[in-house]
N, C-alpha and C. Protein backbone atom coordinates (compact mmCIF):
# COMPACT_ATOMS: atom_id res chain seq x y z
N MET A 1 66.28 85.73 91.24
CA MET A 1 67.40 85.49 91.81
C MET A 1 68.41 85.83 90.80
N VAL A 2 68.33 85.28 89.29
CA VAL A 2 69.29 85.54 88.22
C VAL A 2 69.81 86.85 87.82
N ASN A 3 68.37 87.59 87.87
CA ASN A 3 68.70 88.96 87.72
C ASN A 3 69.29 89.92 89.03
N ASP A 4 69.01 89.45 89.76
CA ASP A 4 69.79 90.20 91.04
C ASP A 4 71.46 89.99 91.06
N LEU A 5 71.77 88.44 90.66
CA LEU A 5 72.86 88.41 90.54
C LEU A 5 73.62 89.05 89.34
N ILE A 6 72.95 89.10 88.07
CA ILE A 6 73.47 90.02 87.21
C ILE A 6 73.51 91.38 87.78
N MET A 7 72.60 91.88 88.15
CA MET A 7 72.87 93.52 88.69
C MET A 7 73.97 93.70 89.53
N SER A 8 73.94 92.70 90.52
CA SER A 8 75.24 92.82 91.50
C SER A 8 76.57 92.66 90.91
N ALA A 9 76.73 91.57 89.67
CA ALA A 9 78.11 91.62 89.10
C ALA A 9 78.09 92.79 88.19
N ARG A 10 77.11 93.40 87.56
CA ARG A 10 77.54 94.66 86.85
C ARG A 10 77.94 96.06 87.93
N LYS A 11 77.45 95.82 88.99
CA LYS A 11 78.05 97.04 90.07
C LYS A 11 79.63 96.80 90.53
N MET A 12 79.77 95.22 90.54
CA MET A 12 81.17 95.04 91.47
C MET A 12 82.46 95.35 90.82
N ASN A 13 83.39 95.32 91.50
CA ASN A 13 84.92 95.42 91.09
C ASN A 13 85.41 93.89 91.42
N LEU A 14 86.49 93.62 90.71
CA LEU A 14 87.21 92.18 91.14
C LEU A 14 88.55 92.96 91.42
N VAL A 15 89.09 92.69 92.81
CA VAL A 15 90.01 93.11 93.33
C VAL A 15 91.22 92.02 93.67
N LEU A 16 92.32 92.36 92.81
CA LEU A 16 93.22 90.97 92.96
C LEU A 16 94.54 91.54 94.20
N ILE A 17 94.74 90.79 94.53
CA ILE A 17 95.72 90.84 95.89
C ILE A 17 96.76 89.93 95.81
N GLY A 18 97.94 89.98 96.29
CA GLY A 18 99.10 89.19 96.11
C GLY A 18 100.27 89.60 96.38
N MET A 19 101.62 88.71 96.24
CA MET A 19 102.80 89.51 96.41
C MET A 19 103.05 89.75 95.05
N ALA A 20 104.19 90.60 94.99
CA ALA A 20 104.99 90.96 93.65
C ALA A 20 105.26 89.75 92.94
N GLY A 21 104.79 89.45 91.81
CA GLY A 21 105.27 88.20 90.82
C GLY A 21 104.18 87.39 90.91
N ALA A 22 103.19 87.62 91.76
CA ALA A 22 101.69 86.73 91.92
C ALA A 22 101.24 86.69 90.43
N GLY A 23 101.05 87.80 89.77
CA GLY A 23 100.68 87.76 88.22
C GLY A 23 99.29 88.50 88.29
N LYS A 24 99.02 89.51 89.34
CA LYS A 24 98.15 90.64 89.44
C LYS A 24 97.89 91.54 87.87
N SER A 25 99.20 91.99 87.61
CA SER A 25 99.21 92.76 86.53
C SER A 25 98.95 92.04 85.08
N THR A 26 99.30 90.87 85.39
CA THR A 26 99.38 90.13 84.04
C THR A 26 97.65 89.49 83.95
N VAL A 27 97.21 88.85 84.71
CA VAL A 27 95.87 88.31 84.94
C VAL A 27 94.94 89.39 84.81
N GLY A 28 95.22 90.54 85.41
CA GLY A 28 93.99 91.45 85.39
C GLY A 28 93.45 92.20 84.16
N PRO A 29 94.42 92.71 83.32
CA PRO A 29 93.85 92.89 81.82
C PRO A 29 93.18 91.78 81.21
N LEU A 30 93.59 90.54 81.40
CA LEU A 30 92.96 89.43 80.80
C LEU A 30 91.80 89.05 81.13
N LEU A 31 91.36 89.26 82.72
CA LEU A 31 90.23 89.01 83.41
C LEU A 31 89.38 90.25 82.98
N ALA A 32 89.77 91.45 82.80
CA ALA A 32 88.79 92.47 82.59
C ALA A 32 88.38 92.36 81.12
N GLU A 33 89.07 91.97 80.10
CA GLU A 33 88.61 91.78 78.85
C GLU A 33 87.61 90.60 78.64
N LYS A 34 87.87 89.60 79.58
CA LYS A 34 86.84 88.48 79.45
C LYS A 34 85.42 89.15 79.89
N LEU A 35 85.73 89.85 80.91
CA LEU A 35 84.26 90.51 81.85
C LEU A 35 83.44 91.66 81.01
N SER A 36 84.49 92.38 80.19
CA SER A 36 84.32 93.53 79.46
C SER A 36 84.11 94.76 80.84
N TYR A 37 85.16 94.42 81.62
CA TYR A 37 85.21 95.52 82.70
C TYR A 37 86.63 96.23 82.23
N GLY A 38 86.52 97.55 82.87
CA GLY A 38 88.00 98.37 82.81
C GLY A 38 89.01 97.83 83.91
N PHE A 39 90.29 98.15 83.69
CA PHE A 39 91.29 97.54 84.27
C PHE A 39 92.17 98.83 84.74
N VAL A 40 92.51 98.56 86.34
CA VAL A 40 93.31 99.59 86.76
C VAL A 40 94.63 98.90 87.63
N ASP A 41 95.54 99.26 87.41
CA ASP A 41 96.88 98.88 88.11
C ASP A 41 97.18 99.84 89.13
N VAL A 42 97.29 99.77 90.34
CA VAL A 42 97.35 100.80 91.39
C VAL A 42 98.88 101.12 91.47
N ASP A 43 99.81 100.36 91.05
CA ASP A 43 101.08 100.70 91.12
C ASP A 43 101.21 101.60 89.83
N ALA A 44 100.69 101.58 88.81
CA ALA A 44 101.03 102.47 87.78
C ALA A 44 100.27 103.71 88.12
N LEU A 45 99.11 103.72 88.76
CA LEU A 45 98.32 105.04 89.21
C LEU A 45 99.52 105.57 90.27
N ILE A 46 100.09 105.09 91.10
CA ILE A 46 101.00 105.68 92.11
C ILE A 46 102.16 106.41 91.17
N GLU A 47 102.67 105.44 90.49
CA GLU A 47 103.85 105.94 89.34
C GLU A 47 103.61 107.27 88.42
N ALA A 48 102.45 107.08 88.17
CA ALA A 48 101.88 108.35 87.32
C ALA A 48 101.40 109.71 88.54
N ASP A 49 101.12 109.28 89.29
CA ASP A 49 100.63 110.24 90.13
C ASP A 49 101.74 110.96 90.53
N GLN A 50 102.86 110.31 91.21
CA GLN A 50 104.15 110.78 91.81
C GLN A 50 105.26 111.09 90.81
N GLN A 51 105.06 110.42 89.43
CA GLN A 51 106.00 110.72 88.36
C GLN A 51 107.35 110.27 88.63
N GLN A 52 107.41 109.06 89.54
CA GLN A 52 108.48 108.13 89.81
C GLN A 52 108.36 106.80 89.79
N SER A 53 109.43 105.97 89.74
CA SER A 53 109.31 104.54 89.86
C SER A 53 108.64 104.24 91.23
N LEU A 54 108.21 102.96 91.51
CA LEU A 54 107.87 102.58 93.11
C LEU A 54 109.29 102.25 93.79
N GLN A 55 110.19 102.10 92.95
CA GLN A 55 111.47 101.65 93.63
C GLN A 55 112.25 103.32 94.18
N GLU A 56 112.02 104.18 93.33
CA GLU A 56 112.55 105.35 93.51
C GLU A 56 111.90 105.99 94.71
N LEU A 57 110.36 105.65 94.72
CA LEU A 57 109.53 106.17 95.96
C LEU A 57 109.88 105.53 97.17
N VAL A 58 110.20 104.36 97.25
CA VAL A 58 110.50 103.53 98.34
C VAL A 58 111.78 103.89 98.80
N ASP A 59 112.75 104.23 97.96
CA ASP A 59 114.10 104.30 98.20
C ASP A 59 114.15 105.94 98.93
N GLN A 60 113.33 106.74 98.10
CA GLN A 60 113.46 108.15 98.76
C GLN A 60 112.80 108.41 99.86
N HIS A 61 111.35 108.00 100.18
CA HIS A 61 110.66 108.20 101.28
C HIS A 61 110.58 107.07 102.47
N GLY A 62 110.88 105.80 102.04
CA GLY A 62 110.64 104.90 102.86
C GLY A 62 109.67 104.11 102.73
N ALA A 63 109.27 102.89 103.31
CA ALA A 63 107.94 101.70 103.24
C ALA A 63 107.03 102.39 103.90
N GLY A 64 107.24 102.93 105.14
CA GLY A 64 105.85 103.49 105.82
C GLY A 64 105.15 104.60 105.04
N TRP A 65 106.11 105.22 104.52
CA TRP A 65 105.47 106.62 103.59
C TRP A 65 104.81 105.95 102.39
N PHE A 66 105.38 105.13 101.69
CA PHE A 66 104.66 104.54 100.73
C PHE A 66 103.46 103.85 100.84
N ARG A 67 103.20 103.00 101.76
CA ARG A 67 102.16 102.48 102.13
C ARG A 67 101.10 103.40 102.49
N ARG A 68 101.31 104.29 103.06
CA ARG A 68 100.36 105.57 103.37
C ARG A 68 99.60 106.14 102.17
N LEU A 69 101.10 106.32 101.16
CA LEU A 69 100.52 107.04 100.05
C LEU A 69 99.28 105.74 99.07
N GLU A 70 100.11 104.67 98.98
CA GLU A 70 99.34 103.44 98.70
C GLU A 70 97.70 103.41 99.20
N GLU A 71 97.58 103.71 100.54
CA GLU A 71 96.22 103.59 100.96
C GLU A 71 95.50 104.67 100.69
N THR A 72 96.27 105.87 100.57
CA THR A 72 95.22 107.13 100.20
C THR A 72 94.90 106.93 98.76
N ILE A 73 95.55 106.24 97.57
CA ILE A 73 95.40 106.08 96.44
C ILE A 73 93.77 105.05 96.34
N LEU A 74 93.94 104.17 97.48
CA LEU A 74 93.00 103.07 97.30
C LEU A 74 91.55 103.58 97.59
N LEU A 75 92.03 104.64 98.68
CA LEU A 75 90.64 105.14 99.36
C LEU A 75 89.88 106.06 98.36
N GLY A 76 90.85 106.77 97.34
CA GLY A 76 90.20 107.49 96.34
C GLY A 76 89.89 106.95 95.07
N LEU A 77 89.74 105.68 95.11
CA LEU A 77 89.17 104.78 93.90
C LEU A 77 87.51 105.00 94.20
N ASP A 78 86.95 105.12 93.16
CA ASP A 78 85.30 105.06 93.17
C ASP A 78 85.11 104.63 91.59
N LEU A 79 84.83 103.13 91.73
CA LEU A 79 85.11 102.45 90.25
C LEU A 79 83.96 101.57 90.54
N ARG A 80 83.39 101.09 89.22
CA ARG A 80 82.63 99.96 89.23
C ARG A 80 82.93 99.15 88.17
N ARG A 81 82.70 97.96 87.89
CA ARG A 81 83.01 96.95 86.68
C ARG A 81 84.41 97.20 86.16
N HIS A 82 85.39 97.25 87.15
CA HIS A 82 86.90 97.18 87.06
C HIS A 82 87.33 96.11 87.54
N VAL A 83 88.59 95.60 87.13
CA VAL A 83 89.58 94.73 88.01
C VAL A 83 90.55 95.64 88.19
N ILE A 84 90.87 95.46 89.51
CA ILE A 84 91.76 96.46 90.24
C ILE A 84 92.72 95.66 90.57
N ALA A 85 94.01 95.61 90.27
CA ALA A 85 95.30 95.03 90.61
C ALA A 85 96.15 95.93 91.63
N THR A 86 95.88 95.41 92.93
CA THR A 86 96.80 96.33 93.89
C THR A 86 98.07 96.21 93.74
N GLY A 87 98.74 96.86 94.47
CA GLY A 87 100.23 96.83 94.79
C GLY A 87 100.06 95.52 96.05
N GLY A 88 101.50 95.03 96.10
CA GLY A 88 101.34 94.00 97.17
C GLY A 88 101.27 94.38 98.66
N SER A 89 101.69 95.64 98.70
CA SER A 89 101.77 96.27 100.09
C SER A 89 100.34 96.48 100.56
N ALA A 90 99.29 96.63 99.64
CA ALA A 90 98.23 97.21 99.70
C ALA A 90 97.48 96.63 101.13
N VAL A 91 97.61 95.55 101.37
CA VAL A 91 97.27 95.03 102.62
C VAL A 91 97.51 95.36 103.90
N TYR A 92 98.51 96.11 103.96
CA TYR A 92 99.04 96.85 105.18
C TYR A 92 98.02 98.02 105.66
N GLY A 93 97.45 98.56 104.74
CA GLY A 93 96.17 99.58 104.93
C GLY A 93 94.69 99.12 105.15
N PRO A 94 94.41 98.86 106.65
CA PRO A 94 93.07 98.40 106.57
C PRO A 94 91.96 99.21 106.16
N ALA A 95 91.93 100.55 106.03
CA ALA A 95 90.83 101.41 105.61
C ALA A 95 90.86 101.15 104.03
N GLY A 96 92.10 101.25 103.39
CA GLY A 96 91.92 101.14 101.92
C GLY A 96 91.31 99.73 101.65
N MET A 97 91.53 98.58 102.29
CA MET A 97 91.25 97.23 101.90
C MET A 97 89.72 97.23 102.47
N GLU A 98 89.30 97.85 103.45
CA GLU A 98 87.97 97.63 103.64
C GLU A 98 87.07 98.51 102.73
N HIS A 99 87.80 99.64 102.02
CA HIS A 99 87.13 100.20 100.99
C HIS A 99 86.72 99.31 99.68
N LEU A 100 88.39 98.84 99.13
CA LEU A 100 88.06 97.62 98.26
C LEU A 100 87.19 96.64 98.41
N GLN A 101 86.84 96.11 99.60
CA GLN A 101 86.02 94.98 99.80
C GLN A 101 84.73 95.42 99.78
N LYS A 102 84.20 96.56 100.08
CA LYS A 102 83.01 97.11 100.07
C LYS A 102 82.50 97.45 98.51
N SER A 103 83.54 97.44 97.66
CA SER A 103 83.19 97.65 96.09
C SER A 103 83.19 96.47 95.38
N GLY A 104 83.47 95.23 95.82
CA GLY A 104 83.41 94.18 95.24
C GLY A 104 84.38 92.75 95.72
N VAL A 105 84.63 92.00 95.02
CA VAL A 105 85.11 90.93 95.59
C VAL A 105 86.57 90.65 95.45
N VAL A 106 87.32 90.61 96.64
CA VAL A 106 88.72 90.43 96.90
C VAL A 106 89.45 89.07 96.42
N VAL A 107 90.05 89.18 95.57
CA VAL A 107 90.51 87.65 95.16
C VAL A 107 92.30 87.63 95.36
N PHE A 108 92.90 86.80 96.11
CA PHE A 108 93.95 86.48 96.37
C PHE A 108 94.58 85.54 95.62
N LEU A 109 95.62 86.18 94.67
CA LEU A 109 96.20 85.17 93.67
C LEU A 109 97.62 84.53 94.66
N ASP A 110 97.19 83.31 95.08
CA ASP A 110 98.28 82.79 96.13
C ASP A 110 99.21 81.97 95.07
N VAL A 111 100.32 82.12 95.20
CA VAL A 111 101.67 81.74 94.61
C VAL A 111 102.83 81.31 95.50
N PRO A 112 103.22 79.88 95.67
CA PRO A 112 104.07 79.49 96.59
C PRO A 112 105.33 80.33 96.45
N PHE A 113 106.14 80.60 97.77
CA PHE A 113 107.27 81.23 97.71
C PHE A 113 108.28 80.95 96.72
N VAL A 114 108.49 79.65 96.50
CA VAL A 114 109.66 79.09 95.43
C VAL A 114 109.48 79.71 93.88
N VAL A 115 108.05 79.68 93.72
CA VAL A 115 107.59 80.32 92.57
C VAL A 115 107.91 81.87 92.26
N LEU A 116 107.45 82.51 93.38
CA LEU A 116 107.83 83.79 93.35
C LEU A 116 109.15 84.31 93.43
N GLU A 117 110.03 83.82 94.32
CA GLU A 117 111.35 83.92 94.34
C GLU A 117 111.87 83.48 92.82
N ALA A 118 111.66 82.47 92.20
CA ALA A 118 111.84 82.57 90.70
C ALA A 118 111.77 83.48 89.69
N ARG A 119 110.50 84.12 89.97
CA ARG A 119 110.04 85.25 89.18
C ARG A 119 110.57 86.39 89.66
N VAL A 120 110.88 86.82 90.73
CA VAL A 120 111.22 88.37 91.10
C VAL A 120 112.69 88.08 91.67
N GLY A 121 113.21 87.11 92.01
CA GLY A 121 114.61 87.11 92.91
C GLY A 121 114.40 87.60 94.16
N ASP A 122 115.15 88.46 94.44
CA ASP A 122 115.01 89.23 95.92
C ASP A 122 114.07 90.39 95.96
N GLY A 123 113.54 90.55 94.65
CA GLY A 123 112.72 92.02 94.74
C GLY A 123 113.52 93.18 94.83
N ALA A 124 114.84 93.23 94.74
CA ALA A 124 115.62 94.66 95.03
C ALA A 124 115.21 95.53 94.24
N THR A 125 114.68 95.48 92.88
CA THR A 125 114.17 96.53 92.11
C THR A 125 112.95 96.76 91.74
N ARG A 126 112.06 95.74 92.42
CA ARG A 126 110.55 95.95 92.41
C ARG A 126 109.75 96.85 93.01
N GLY A 127 110.39 97.91 93.77
CA GLY A 127 109.79 98.57 94.56
C GLY A 127 108.84 97.97 95.75
N LEU A 128 109.49 97.01 96.36
CA LEU A 128 108.67 96.67 97.29
C LEU A 128 108.53 97.39 98.74
N ALA A 129 107.78 97.58 99.28
CA ALA A 129 107.57 98.42 100.56
C ALA A 129 107.93 97.39 101.55
N ARG A 130 109.15 97.46 101.83
CA ARG A 130 109.52 96.30 102.88
C ARG A 130 110.72 97.20 103.59
N GLU A 131 110.65 96.86 105.17
CA GLU A 131 111.73 97.53 105.80
C GLU A 131 113.08 97.36 105.40
N GLU A 132 114.09 98.44 105.89
CA GLU A 132 115.52 97.99 105.19
C GLU A 132 116.09 96.60 105.99
N GLY A 133 116.64 95.92 105.00
CA GLY A 133 117.32 94.72 105.24
C GLY A 133 116.15 93.68 105.45
N GLN A 134 114.96 93.60 105.31
CA GLN A 134 113.72 92.91 105.18
C GLN A 134 114.28 91.83 103.75
N SER A 135 114.26 90.54 104.30
CA SER A 135 114.41 89.85 103.15
C SER A 135 112.89 89.49 102.53
N PHE A 136 112.98 89.12 101.08
CA PHE A 136 111.75 88.65 100.32
C PHE A 136 111.17 87.61 101.21
N ALA A 137 111.68 86.48 101.52
CA ALA A 137 111.11 85.47 102.43
C ALA A 137 110.32 85.98 103.52
N HIS A 138 110.91 86.75 104.16
CA HIS A 138 110.20 87.52 105.57
C HIS A 138 108.95 88.41 105.17
N LEU A 139 109.13 88.89 104.18
CA LEU A 139 108.17 89.67 103.68
C LEU A 139 106.94 88.94 103.24
N PHE A 140 107.15 87.64 102.68
CA PHE A 140 106.16 86.88 102.04
C PHE A 140 105.42 86.10 103.34
N ALA A 141 106.38 85.80 104.41
CA ALA A 141 105.67 85.38 105.76
C ALA A 141 104.87 86.20 106.53
N GLU A 142 105.19 87.58 106.51
CA GLU A 142 104.74 88.45 107.05
C GLU A 142 103.38 88.92 106.23
N ARG A 143 103.18 88.90 104.96
CA ARG A 143 101.86 89.36 104.17
C ARG A 143 100.94 88.13 104.07
N GLN A 144 101.45 86.78 104.14
CA GLN A 144 100.44 85.83 103.79
C GLN A 144 99.11 85.78 104.55
N PRO A 145 99.38 86.11 105.98
CA PRO A 145 98.21 86.05 106.72
C PRO A 145 97.39 87.22 106.49
N LEU A 146 97.74 88.41 106.08
CA LEU A 146 97.01 89.50 105.94
C LEU A 146 96.11 89.35 104.51
N TYR A 147 96.94 88.60 103.26
CA TYR A 147 96.25 88.30 102.09
C TYR A 147 94.99 87.29 102.60
N CYS A 148 95.26 86.53 103.43
CA CYS A 148 94.17 85.49 103.87
C CYS A 148 92.92 86.16 104.33
N ARG A 149 93.36 86.99 105.33
CA ARG A 149 92.50 88.04 106.02
C ARG A 149 91.44 88.79 105.14
N TYR A 150 92.09 89.43 104.19
CA TYR A 150 91.28 90.29 103.41
C TYR A 150 90.62 89.38 102.02
N ALA A 151 90.90 88.71 101.97
CA ALA A 151 90.61 87.58 100.51
C ALA A 151 88.96 87.21 100.64
N ASP A 152 88.26 87.35 99.76
CA ASP A 152 86.91 86.78 99.67
C ASP A 152 87.10 85.51 99.00
N LEU A 153 88.20 85.32 98.29
CA LEU A 153 88.66 83.80 97.46
C LEU A 153 90.12 84.07 97.36
N SER A 154 90.37 82.69 97.48
CA SER A 154 91.76 82.32 97.48
C SER A 154 92.01 81.40 96.22
N ILE A 155 92.81 81.91 95.29
CA ILE A 155 93.04 81.06 93.84
C ILE A 155 94.66 80.52 94.09
N ARG A 156 94.87 79.43 93.80
CA ARG A 156 95.99 78.87 93.91
C ARG A 156 96.53 79.03 92.67
N CYS A 157 97.75 79.52 92.21
CA CYS A 157 98.07 80.14 90.97
C CYS A 157 99.15 79.14 90.20
N ASP A 158 100.08 78.32 91.32
CA ASP A 158 100.87 77.71 90.61
C ASP A 158 100.89 76.74 89.55
N GLY A 159 101.33 76.60 88.55
CA GLY A 159 101.27 75.67 87.31
C GLY A 159 100.12 75.91 86.37
N GLN A 160 99.47 77.27 86.47
CA GLN A 160 98.59 77.77 85.80
C GLN A 160 98.89 78.83 84.87
N SER A 161 98.47 79.01 83.55
CA SER A 161 98.55 80.23 82.78
C SER A 161 97.98 81.41 83.02
N PRO A 162 98.21 82.50 82.94
CA PRO A 162 97.27 83.53 83.29
C PRO A 162 95.98 83.26 82.70
N ALA A 163 95.77 82.71 81.59
CA ALA A 163 94.35 82.42 80.94
C ALA A 163 93.71 81.54 81.73
N GLN A 164 94.23 80.27 82.15
CA GLN A 164 93.67 79.43 83.13
C GLN A 164 93.16 79.95 84.50
N ILE A 165 93.84 80.85 84.87
CA ILE A 165 93.70 81.48 86.16
C ILE A 165 92.44 82.49 86.13
N CYS A 166 92.47 82.99 85.04
CA CYS A 166 90.95 83.67 84.76
C CYS A 166 90.04 82.53 84.72
N GLU A 167 89.97 81.54 83.94
CA GLU A 167 88.95 80.71 83.69
C GLU A 167 88.78 79.87 85.16
N THR A 168 89.60 80.13 85.85
CA THR A 168 89.40 79.51 87.55
C THR A 168 88.70 80.57 88.21
N ILE A 169 89.02 81.72 87.88
CA ILE A 169 88.40 82.95 88.87
C ILE A 169 87.07 83.09 88.59
N ILE A 170 86.55 83.32 87.30
CA ILE A 170 85.21 83.67 86.87
C ILE A 170 84.06 83.01 87.80
N PRO A 171 84.18 81.51 87.29
CA PRO A 171 83.04 80.45 88.02
C PRO A 171 83.01 80.66 89.40
N GLU A 172 84.33 81.06 90.10
CA GLU A 172 84.36 80.98 91.42
C GLU A 172 83.64 82.26 91.96
N VAL A 173 83.84 83.35 91.26
CA VAL A 173 83.19 84.47 91.94
C VAL A 173 81.45 84.42 91.39
N MET A 174 81.44 83.88 90.32
CA MET A 174 79.87 83.53 90.20
C MET A 174 79.02 82.72 91.23
N ASP A 175 79.98 81.75 91.64
CA ASP A 175 79.40 80.91 92.58
C ASP A 175 79.35 81.60 93.89
N MET A 176 80.08 82.28 94.20
CA MET A 176 80.03 83.15 95.46
C MET A 176 78.68 84.29 95.61
N LEU A 177 78.65 84.88 94.34
CA LEU A 177 77.43 85.60 94.17
C LEU A 177 75.96 84.82 94.65
N GLU A 178 76.20 83.40 94.13
CA GLU A 178 74.93 82.69 94.45
C GLU A 178 74.59 82.22 95.68
N ARG A 179 75.77 82.65 96.44
CA ARG A 179 75.52 82.20 98.07
C ARG A 179 74.66 83.07 98.64
């Protein structure tokens, strides 16, 4: 049983989902280091692939185009033993999310709206894939059920440091593998 768990853990990825400002790109590298995994930031992949910032891409092409691009990037990932920090809008692409679910454990970094708002304001320069005129609060309300739908594990992150969040995630994932 223990050997099966170790073999499963060696093959799987940890996929971080959540709103902009939840800490995916901060917690991800720490988690990867603790697990001796690689780390991939999907937003950084998109920017490198397109040679533009997320904000420029959303401004130039719109939220729908950006979400389709993001899903294409997700579907192209073929990784093992990586922590993957997705963009906040990854949950709009069902095929991309199903692909990620098959490759590992999806962890929702759940942060209350007031904390996110304090971190990112209205998100005007964050490259958020949202419709024109859509508020950050509306985007939050729209995405919360999607994060819950795709998450194998939800971690409440308010009041914790990135290191504490990692220390919460690791035993929770191991517990899931034992079930």
